[in-house]
Amino acid sequence: MLRGTTTLTHLLAPSNPTLPSSIIIMPAINKQKKVTQKFVIDATGPANDKIFDVAAFEKYLSERIKVEGRTGNLGEAVEVSRDGEAKVQVVAHIDFSGRYLKYLTKKYLKKNQLRDWLRVVSTSKGVYTLKFYNVVNDEEAGSDEEQD
């Protein structure tokens, strides 16, 4: 380093008497905001048709949701509960992705061989609904075309 030159670290050092009195150096404070997110998975249609077990799905979510990279580590950070007969509610007090819930729901459907008949649709922010695929019979479609 050349004589007579000062670096930025020397200027910002708190013991430096050449620092103007109007500049105050504050240490960085790491503040985290409390984040609470609420997600609802609505399985009313499949549950009414008795092909979807909501209690088993709730148990599956509570076992499989990862918190800080570990499954079964929900603690107070994530709460999984049933809301009525056919809805599962997930309340997260940490950063949490709704896409992760959609992923776990699809995984559960695949495990129980329901993925061919049900799909997961986001109806609004934080609300996912299980819906049946729209299936059109070939006979009905063919008879409509013949009448035209």
N, C-alpha and C. Protein backbone atom coordinates (compact mmCIF):
# COMPACT_ATOMS: atom_id res chain seq x y z
N MET A 1 0.84 -1.17 0.00
CA MET A 1 0.00 0.00 0.00
C MET A 1 0.89 1.24 0.00
N LEU A 2 0.47 2.27 -0.72
CA LEU A 2 1.23 3.51 -0.81
C LEU A 2 1.05 4.33 0.45
N ARG A 3 2.07 5.10 0.76
CA ARG A 3 2.00 5.96 1.94
C ARG A 3 1.01 7.09 1.69
N GLY A 4 0.29 7.41 2.74
CA GLY A 4 -0.63 8.53 2.65
C GLY A 4 -2.01 8.16 2.15
N THR A 5 -2.21 6.91 1.72
CA THR A 5 -3.53 6.50 1.27
C THR A 5 -4.18 5.66 2.36
N THR A 6 -5.45 5.78 2.46
CA THR A 6 -6.20 5.00 3.45
C THR A 6 -7.21 4.14 2.71
N THR A 7 -7.47 2.99 3.27
CA THR A 7 -8.47 2.11 2.66
C THR A 7 -9.81 2.36 3.32
N LEU A 8 -10.83 1.81 2.73
CA LEU A 8 -12.19 1.97 3.24
C LEU A 8 -12.33 1.34 4.62
N THR A 9 -11.62 0.23 4.85
CA THR A 9 -11.73 -0.41 6.16
C THR A 9 -11.13 0.45 7.25
N HIS A 10 -10.11 1.20 6.92
CA HIS A 10 -9.53 2.08 7.92
C HIS A 10 -10.46 3.25 8.24
N LEU A 11 -11.19 3.73 7.22
CA LEU A 11 -12.11 4.84 7.45
C LEU A 11 -13.31 4.42 8.28
N LEU A 12 -13.77 3.19 8.07
CA LEU A 12 -14.97 2.74 8.76
C LEU A 12 -14.70 2.11 10.11
N ALA A 13 -13.47 2.02 10.49
CA ALA A 13 -13.15 1.45 11.80
C ALA A 13 -13.68 2.38 12.88
N PRO A 14 -14.33 1.84 13.92
CA PRO A 14 -14.93 2.70 14.94
C PRO A 14 -13.92 3.48 15.76
N SER A 15 -12.67 3.04 15.80
CA SER A 15 -11.67 3.76 16.61
C SER A 15 -10.97 4.84 15.81
N ASN A 16 -11.37 5.07 14.58
CA ASN A 16 -10.74 6.06 13.72
C ASN A 16 -11.22 7.46 14.10
N PRO A 17 -10.34 8.31 14.54
CA PRO A 17 -10.76 9.67 14.94
C PRO A 17 -11.09 10.56 13.74
N THR A 18 -10.71 10.16 12.51
CA THR A 18 -10.99 11.01 11.35
C THR A 18 -12.40 10.80 10.82
N LEU A 19 -13.16 9.89 11.40
CA LEU A 19 -14.52 9.62 10.97
C LEU A 19 -15.42 10.77 11.38
N PRO A 20 -16.19 11.32 10.47
CA PRO A 20 -17.08 12.44 10.84
C PRO A 20 -18.07 11.99 11.91
N SER A 21 -18.43 12.88 12.78
CA SER A 21 -19.32 12.54 13.89
C SER A 21 -20.77 12.33 13.43
N SER A 22 -21.13 12.78 12.23
CA SER A 22 -22.50 12.63 11.75
C SER A 22 -22.77 11.22 11.23
N ILE A 23 -21.74 10.44 10.97
CA ILE A 23 -21.92 9.08 10.48
C ILE A 23 -21.86 8.11 11.65
N ILE A 24 -22.92 7.33 11.78
CA ILE A 24 -22.97 6.33 12.85
C ILE A 24 -23.02 4.97 12.18
N ILE A 25 -22.14 4.10 12.57
CA ILE A 25 -22.10 2.76 12.00
C ILE A 25 -22.84 1.83 12.94
N MET A 26 -23.91 1.23 12.40
CA MET A 26 -24.73 0.31 13.20
C MET A 26 -24.43 -1.12 12.75
N PRO A 27 -24.38 -2.05 13.68
CA PRO A 27 -24.20 -3.44 13.27
C PRO A 27 -25.47 -3.96 12.61
N ALA A 28 -25.30 -4.90 11.71
CA ALA A 28 -26.45 -5.47 11.00
C ALA A 28 -27.26 -6.33 11.96
N ILE A 29 -28.55 -6.10 11.97
CA ILE A 29 -29.45 -6.87 12.83
C ILE A 29 -30.27 -7.78 11.94
N ASN A 30 -30.27 -9.05 12.26
CA ASN A 30 -30.98 -10.04 11.46
C ASN A 30 -32.40 -10.21 12.02
N LYS A 31 -33.35 -9.52 11.41
CA LYS A 31 -34.75 -9.62 11.85
C LYS A 31 -35.50 -10.54 10.91
N GLN A 32 -36.27 -11.46 11.47
CA GLN A 32 -37.11 -12.32 10.66
C GLN A 32 -38.55 -12.02 11.00
N LYS A 33 -39.36 -11.85 9.95
CA LYS A 33 -40.78 -11.60 10.16
C LYS A 33 -41.48 -12.92 10.42
N LYS A 34 -42.51 -12.86 11.23
CA LYS A 34 -43.35 -14.03 11.45
C LYS A 34 -44.19 -14.23 10.21
N VAL A 35 -44.08 -15.40 9.62
CA VAL A 35 -44.83 -15.72 8.42
C VAL A 35 -45.82 -16.81 8.77
N THR A 36 -47.09 -16.57 8.53
CA THR A 36 -48.11 -17.59 8.74
C THR A 36 -48.87 -17.76 7.43
N GLN A 37 -48.84 -18.99 6.94
CA GLN A 37 -49.52 -19.28 5.69
C GLN A 37 -50.52 -20.40 5.95
N LYS A 38 -51.66 -20.29 5.30
CA LYS A 38 -52.73 -21.27 5.48
C LYS A 38 -53.06 -21.87 4.12
N PHE A 39 -53.04 -23.20 4.05
CA PHE A 39 -53.38 -23.91 2.83
C PHE A 39 -54.51 -24.88 3.12
N VAL A 40 -55.41 -25.04 2.16
CA VAL A 40 -56.54 -25.96 2.30
C VAL A 40 -56.55 -26.89 1.09
N ILE A 41 -56.67 -28.18 1.35
CA ILE A 41 -56.82 -29.16 0.29
C ILE A 41 -58.23 -29.72 0.41
N ASP A 42 -59.05 -29.43 -0.59
CA ASP A 42 -60.46 -29.80 -0.58
C ASP A 42 -60.67 -31.07 -1.39
N ALA A 43 -61.13 -32.14 -0.72
CA ALA A 43 -61.38 -33.42 -1.39
C ALA A 43 -62.84 -33.80 -1.26
N THR A 44 -63.73 -32.84 -1.37
CA THR A 44 -65.15 -33.08 -1.16
C THR A 44 -65.73 -34.09 -2.14
N GLY A 45 -65.47 -33.92 -3.43
CA GLY A 45 -66.02 -34.82 -4.45
C GLY A 45 -65.58 -36.27 -4.26
N PRO A 46 -64.28 -36.54 -4.24
CA PRO A 46 -63.82 -37.92 -4.06
C PRO A 46 -64.19 -38.52 -2.69
N ALA A 47 -64.24 -37.70 -1.65
CA ALA A 47 -64.60 -38.21 -0.32
C ALA A 47 -66.07 -38.59 -0.27
N ASN A 48 -66.94 -37.84 -0.95
CA ASN A 48 -68.37 -38.18 -1.00
C ASN A 48 -68.61 -39.47 -1.77
N ASP A 49 -67.76 -39.75 -2.76
CA ASP A 49 -67.88 -40.98 -3.53
C ASP A 49 -67.18 -42.16 -2.87
N LYS A 50 -66.61 -41.93 -1.70
CA LYS A 50 -65.96 -42.97 -0.88
C LYS A 50 -64.75 -43.60 -1.57
N ILE A 51 -64.05 -42.85 -2.41
CA ILE A 51 -62.83 -43.40 -3.01
C ILE A 51 -61.58 -42.75 -2.42
N PHE A 52 -61.74 -41.72 -1.60
CA PHE A 52 -60.61 -40.99 -1.03
C PHE A 52 -60.77 -40.96 0.48
N ASP A 53 -59.75 -41.44 1.21
CA ASP A 53 -59.77 -41.47 2.67
C ASP A 53 -59.03 -40.23 3.19
N VAL A 54 -59.78 -39.28 3.72
CA VAL A 54 -59.21 -38.01 4.16
C VAL A 54 -58.34 -38.20 5.40
N ALA A 55 -58.73 -39.09 6.31
CA ALA A 55 -57.95 -39.32 7.52
C ALA A 55 -56.57 -39.90 7.18
N ALA A 56 -56.53 -40.83 6.24
CA ALA A 56 -55.25 -41.41 5.83
C ALA A 56 -54.38 -40.37 5.13
N PHE A 57 -55.02 -39.49 4.36
CA PHE A 57 -54.28 -38.43 3.67
C PHE A 57 -53.69 -37.45 4.67
N GLU A 58 -54.45 -37.12 5.71
CA GLU A 58 -53.96 -36.21 6.75
C GLU A 58 -52.74 -36.83 7.45
N LYS A 59 -52.82 -38.11 7.75
CA LYS A 59 -51.71 -38.81 8.40
C LYS A 59 -50.49 -38.84 7.47
N TYR A 60 -50.73 -39.08 6.18
CA TYR A 60 -49.66 -39.11 5.20
C TYR A 60 -48.93 -37.76 5.15
N LEU A 61 -49.69 -36.67 5.13
CA LEU A 61 -49.06 -35.35 5.08
C LEU A 61 -48.23 -35.07 6.34
N SER A 62 -48.77 -35.42 7.50
CA SER A 62 -48.04 -35.14 8.74
C SER A 62 -46.76 -35.97 8.83
N GLU A 63 -46.74 -37.14 8.19
CA GLU A 63 -45.53 -37.96 8.19
C GLU A 63 -44.52 -37.51 7.15
N ARG A 64 -44.98 -36.96 6.02
CA ARG A 64 -44.10 -36.70 4.89
C ARG A 64 -43.63 -35.26 4.73
N ILE A 65 -44.27 -34.30 5.36
CA ILE A 65 -43.85 -32.90 5.19
C ILE A 65 -42.49 -32.71 5.84
N LYS A 66 -41.59 -32.12 5.06
CA LYS A 66 -40.24 -31.87 5.56
C LYS A 66 -40.14 -30.46 6.13
N VAL A 67 -39.52 -30.37 7.31
CA VAL A 67 -39.20 -29.08 7.91
C VAL A 67 -37.71 -29.12 8.21
N GLU A 68 -36.99 -28.15 7.67
CA GLU A 68 -35.54 -28.07 7.80
C GLU A 68 -34.85 -29.34 7.30
N GLY A 69 -35.38 -29.92 6.21
CA GLY A 69 -34.76 -31.06 5.58
C GLY A 69 -35.03 -32.40 6.22
N ARG A 70 -35.91 -32.47 7.21
CA ARG A 70 -36.19 -33.72 7.89
C ARG A 70 -37.69 -33.98 7.93
N THR A 71 -38.09 -35.22 7.64
CA THR A 71 -39.50 -35.59 7.75
C THR A 71 -39.83 -35.88 9.20
N GLY A 72 -41.09 -35.71 9.56
CA GLY A 72 -41.52 -35.96 10.92
C GLY A 72 -41.02 -34.92 11.90
N ASN A 73 -40.62 -33.76 11.41
CA ASN A 73 -40.05 -32.71 12.24
C ASN A 73 -40.98 -31.48 12.26
N LEU A 74 -42.29 -31.73 12.31
CA LEU A 74 -43.24 -30.62 12.19
C LEU A 74 -43.16 -29.67 13.38
N GLY A 75 -43.21 -30.21 14.58
CA GLY A 75 -43.16 -29.37 15.77
C GLY A 75 -44.29 -28.36 15.76
N GLU A 76 -43.96 -27.13 16.11
CA GLU A 76 -44.96 -26.06 16.10
C GLU A 76 -44.90 -25.26 14.80
N ALA A 77 -43.96 -25.59 13.93
CA ALA A 77 -43.77 -24.84 12.70
C ALA A 77 -44.87 -25.10 11.68
N VAL A 78 -45.36 -26.36 11.61
CA VAL A 78 -46.39 -26.73 10.64
C VAL A 78 -47.45 -27.55 11.37
N GLU A 79 -48.70 -27.18 11.14
CA GLU A 79 -49.82 -27.89 11.75
C GLU A 79 -50.71 -28.46 10.65
N VAL A 80 -51.00 -29.76 10.74
CA VAL A 80 -51.88 -30.42 9.77
C VAL A 80 -53.12 -30.86 10.52
N SER A 81 -54.29 -30.43 10.04
CA SER A 81 -55.54 -30.79 10.71
C SER A 81 -56.64 -30.96 9.67
N ARG A 82 -57.69 -31.67 10.10
CA ARG A 82 -58.84 -31.87 9.22
C ARG A 82 -59.85 -30.77 9.50
N ASP A 83 -60.36 -30.20 8.43
CA ASP A 83 -61.34 -29.13 8.53
C ASP A 83 -62.65 -29.66 7.95
N GLY A 84 -63.52 -30.15 8.80
CA GLY A 84 -64.75 -30.77 8.32
C GLY A 84 -64.49 -32.22 7.93
N GLU A 85 -65.35 -32.76 7.09
CA GLU A 85 -65.24 -34.17 6.70
C GLU A 85 -64.26 -34.38 5.55
N ALA A 86 -64.14 -33.41 4.65
CA ALA A 86 -63.39 -33.67 3.43
C ALA A 86 -62.33 -32.62 3.12
N LYS A 87 -61.90 -31.85 4.10
CA LYS A 87 -60.88 -30.84 3.86
C LYS A 87 -59.72 -31.03 4.84
N VAL A 88 -58.51 -30.83 4.32
CA VAL A 88 -57.32 -30.88 5.15
C VAL A 88 -56.72 -29.48 5.15
N GLN A 89 -56.41 -28.98 6.33
CA GLN A 89 -55.87 -27.63 6.46
C GLN A 89 -54.43 -27.73 6.97
N VAL A 90 -53.53 -27.01 6.30
CA VAL A 90 -52.12 -26.97 6.70
C VAL A 90 -51.79 -25.52 7.02
N VAL A 91 -51.37 -25.28 8.26
CA VAL A 91 -50.97 -23.94 8.69
C VAL A 91 -49.47 -23.98 8.96
N ALA A 92 -48.72 -23.13 8.24
CA ALA A 92 -47.27 -23.09 8.38
C ALA A 92 -46.84 -21.75 8.96
N HIS A 93 -46.00 -21.81 9.96
CA HIS A 93 -45.47 -20.60 10.58
C HIS A 93 -44.06 -20.30 10.08
N ILE A 94 -43.66 -20.99 9.03
CA ILE A 94 -42.37 -20.78 8.38
C ILE A 94 -42.64 -20.59 6.89
N ASP A 95 -41.61 -20.27 6.13
CA ASP A 95 -41.77 -20.19 4.68
C ASP A 95 -42.14 -21.57 4.16
N PHE A 96 -43.21 -21.63 3.39
CA PHE A 96 -43.74 -22.91 2.95
C PHE A 96 -44.34 -22.73 1.56
N SER A 97 -44.20 -23.73 0.73
CA SER A 97 -44.67 -23.64 -0.65
C SER A 97 -45.95 -24.44 -0.85
N GLY A 98 -46.90 -23.84 -1.51
CA GLY A 98 -48.13 -24.54 -1.86
C GLY A 98 -47.87 -25.61 -2.91
N ARG A 99 -46.88 -25.37 -3.76
CA ARG A 99 -46.50 -26.36 -4.76
C ARG A 99 -45.99 -27.64 -4.09
N TYR A 100 -45.37 -27.51 -2.92
CA TYR A 100 -44.90 -28.69 -2.19
C TYR A 100 -46.09 -29.53 -1.73
N LEU A 101 -47.15 -28.89 -1.30
CA LEU A 101 -48.37 -29.62 -0.91
C LEU A 101 -48.99 -30.29 -2.13
N LYS A 102 -48.98 -29.61 -3.26
CA LYS A 102 -49.52 -30.21 -4.48
C LYS A 102 -48.69 -31.43 -4.87
N TYR A 103 -47.38 -31.33 -4.75
CA TYR A 103 -46.48 -32.44 -5.04
C TYR A 103 -46.78 -33.63 -4.13
N LEU A 104 -46.92 -33.39 -2.84
CA LEU A 104 -47.20 -34.47 -1.90
C LEU A 104 -48.58 -35.09 -2.15
N THR A 105 -49.56 -34.27 -2.54
CA THR A 105 -50.89 -34.78 -2.84
C THR A 105 -50.85 -35.69 -4.06
N LYS A 106 -50.12 -35.27 -5.09
CA LYS A 106 -49.99 -36.11 -6.29
C LYS A 106 -49.28 -37.42 -5.97
N LYS A 107 -48.29 -37.34 -5.10
CA LYS A 107 -47.56 -38.53 -4.69
C LYS A 107 -48.47 -39.50 -3.94
N TYR A 108 -49.34 -38.96 -3.09
CA TYR A 108 -50.30 -39.79 -2.35
C TYR A 108 -51.29 -40.45 -3.32
N LEU A 109 -51.76 -39.68 -4.29
CA LEU A 109 -52.70 -40.23 -5.27
C LEU A 109 -52.05 -41.35 -6.08
N LYS A 110 -50.80 -41.18 -6.45
CA LYS A 110 -50.09 -42.21 -7.21
C LYS A 110 -49.91 -43.47 -6.37
N LYS A 111 -49.58 -43.27 -5.08
CA LYS A 111 -49.37 -44.40 -4.19
C LYS A 111 -50.65 -45.23 -4.02
N ASN A 112 -51.79 -44.57 -3.99
CA ASN A 112 -53.07 -45.25 -3.80
C ASN A 112 -53.78 -45.53 -5.12
N GLN A 113 -53.08 -45.40 -6.22
CA GLN A 113 -53.58 -45.68 -7.57
C GLN A 113 -54.85 -44.89 -7.90
N LEU A 114 -54.86 -43.65 -7.50
CA LEU A 114 -55.99 -42.75 -7.80
C LEU A 114 -55.59 -41.67 -8.80
N ARG A 115 -54.34 -41.64 -9.18
CA ARG A 115 -53.83 -40.58 -10.04
C ARG A 115 -54.47 -40.61 -11.43
N ASP A 116 -54.96 -41.77 -11.86
CA ASP A 116 -55.59 -41.86 -13.18
C ASP A 116 -56.97 -41.23 -13.22
N TRP A 117 -57.59 -41.05 -12.05
CA TRP A 117 -58.96 -40.52 -12.00
C TRP A 117 -59.06 -39.14 -11.37
N LEU A 118 -58.09 -38.76 -10.56
CA LEU A 118 -58.16 -37.49 -9.85
C LEU A 118 -57.00 -36.59 -10.25
N ARG A 119 -57.26 -35.30 -10.20
CA ARG A 119 -56.21 -34.32 -10.44
C ARG A 119 -56.29 -33.24 -9.37
N VAL A 120 -55.19 -32.54 -9.16
CA VAL A 120 -55.10 -31.49 -8.15
C VAL A 120 -55.13 -30.15 -8.88
N VAL A 121 -56.12 -29.32 -8.54
CA VAL A 121 -56.32 -28.04 -9.21
C VAL A 121 -56.28 -26.93 -8.16
N SER A 122 -55.55 -25.87 -8.45
CA SER A 122 -55.53 -24.71 -7.56
C SER A 122 -56.71 -23.81 -7.93
N THR A 123 -57.70 -23.73 -7.04
CA THR A 123 -58.88 -22.94 -7.33
C THR A 123 -58.70 -21.48 -6.93
N SER A 124 -57.91 -21.22 -5.91
CA SER A 124 -57.56 -19.85 -5.52
C SER A 124 -56.26 -19.92 -4.75
N LYS A 125 -55.77 -18.79 -4.31
CA LYS A 125 -54.49 -18.77 -3.62
C LYS A 125 -54.60 -19.55 -2.30
N GLY A 126 -53.79 -20.58 -2.17
CA GLY A 126 -53.76 -21.37 -0.95
C GLY A 126 -54.82 -22.44 -0.86
N VAL A 127 -55.63 -22.62 -1.92
CA VAL A 127 -56.69 -23.63 -1.91
C VAL A 127 -56.48 -24.57 -3.09
N TYR A 128 -56.36 -25.85 -2.79
CA TYR A 128 -56.22 -26.88 -3.81
C TYR A 128 -57.43 -27.80 -3.72
N THR A 129 -57.95 -28.20 -4.87
CA THR A 129 -59.15 -29.04 -4.93
C THR A 129 -58.83 -30.30 -5.72
N LEU A 130 -59.32 -31.43 -5.22
CA LEU A 130 -59.20 -32.68 -5.96
C LEU A 130 -60.43 -32.83 -6.83
N LYS A 131 -60.22 -32.97 -8.13
CA LYS A 131 -61.33 -33.08 -9.08
C LYS A 131 -61.14 -34.32 -9.93
N PHE A 132 -62.26 -34.84 -10.41
CA PHE A 132 -62.22 -35.96 -11.34
C PHE A 132 -61.86 -35.44 -12.72
N TYR A 133 -61.16 -36.27 -13.50
CA TYR A 133 -60.92 -35.93 -14.89
C TYR A 133 -62.24 -35.99 -15.64
N ASN A 134 -62.42 -35.13 -16.61
CA ASN A 134 -63.60 -35.16 -17.46
C ASN A 134 -63.40 -36.23 -18.53
N VAL A 135 -64.20 -37.28 -18.46
CA VAL A 135 -64.08 -38.38 -19.40
C VAL A 135 -65.31 -38.38 -20.30
N VAL A 136 -65.08 -38.39 -21.59
CA VAL A 136 -66.17 -38.42 -22.55
C VAL A 136 -66.17 -39.80 -23.19
N ASN A 137 -67.31 -40.47 -23.16
CA ASN A 137 -67.41 -41.78 -23.79
C ASN A 137 -67.36 -41.63 -25.31
N ASP A 138 -66.72 -42.58 -25.97
CA ASP A 138 -66.62 -42.54 -27.42
C ASP A 138 -67.98 -42.74 -28.08
N GLU A 139 -68.85 -43.56 -27.46
CA GLU A 139 -70.17 -43.81 -28.02
C GLU A 139 -71.02 -42.54 -28.04
N GLU A 140 -70.97 -41.77 -26.92
CA GLU A 140 -71.75 -40.54 -26.86
C GLU A 140 -71.21 -39.52 -27.85
N ALA A 141 -69.90 -39.41 -27.94
CA ALA A 141 -69.30 -38.45 -28.87
C ALA A 141 -69.60 -38.83 -30.31
N GLY A 142 -69.59 -40.13 -30.60
CA GLY A 142 -69.89 -40.60 -31.95
C GLY A 142 -71.34 -40.37 -32.32
N SER A 143 -72.27 -40.55 -31.39
CA SER A 143 -73.69 -40.36 -31.70
C SER A 143 -74.00 -38.87 -31.92
N ASP A 144 -73.29 -37.98 -31.25
CA ASP A 144 -73.50 -36.56 -31.46
C ASP A 144 -73.05 -36.15 -32.87
N GLU A 145 -71.96 -36.73 -33.32
CA GLU A 145 -71.45 -36.37 -34.64
C GLU A 145 -72.38 -36.91 -35.74
N GLU A 146 -72.97 -38.08 -35.50
CA GLU A 146 -73.84 -38.67 -36.52
C GLU A 146 -75.13 -37.87 -36.69
N GLN A 147 -75.60 -37.23 -35.61
CA GLN A 147 -76.85 -36.47 -35.69
C GLN A 147 -76.67 -35.18 -36.47
N ASP A 148 -75.47 -34.63 -36.50
CA ASP A 148 -75.23 -33.36 -37.22
C ASP A 148 -75.25 -33.53 -38.66
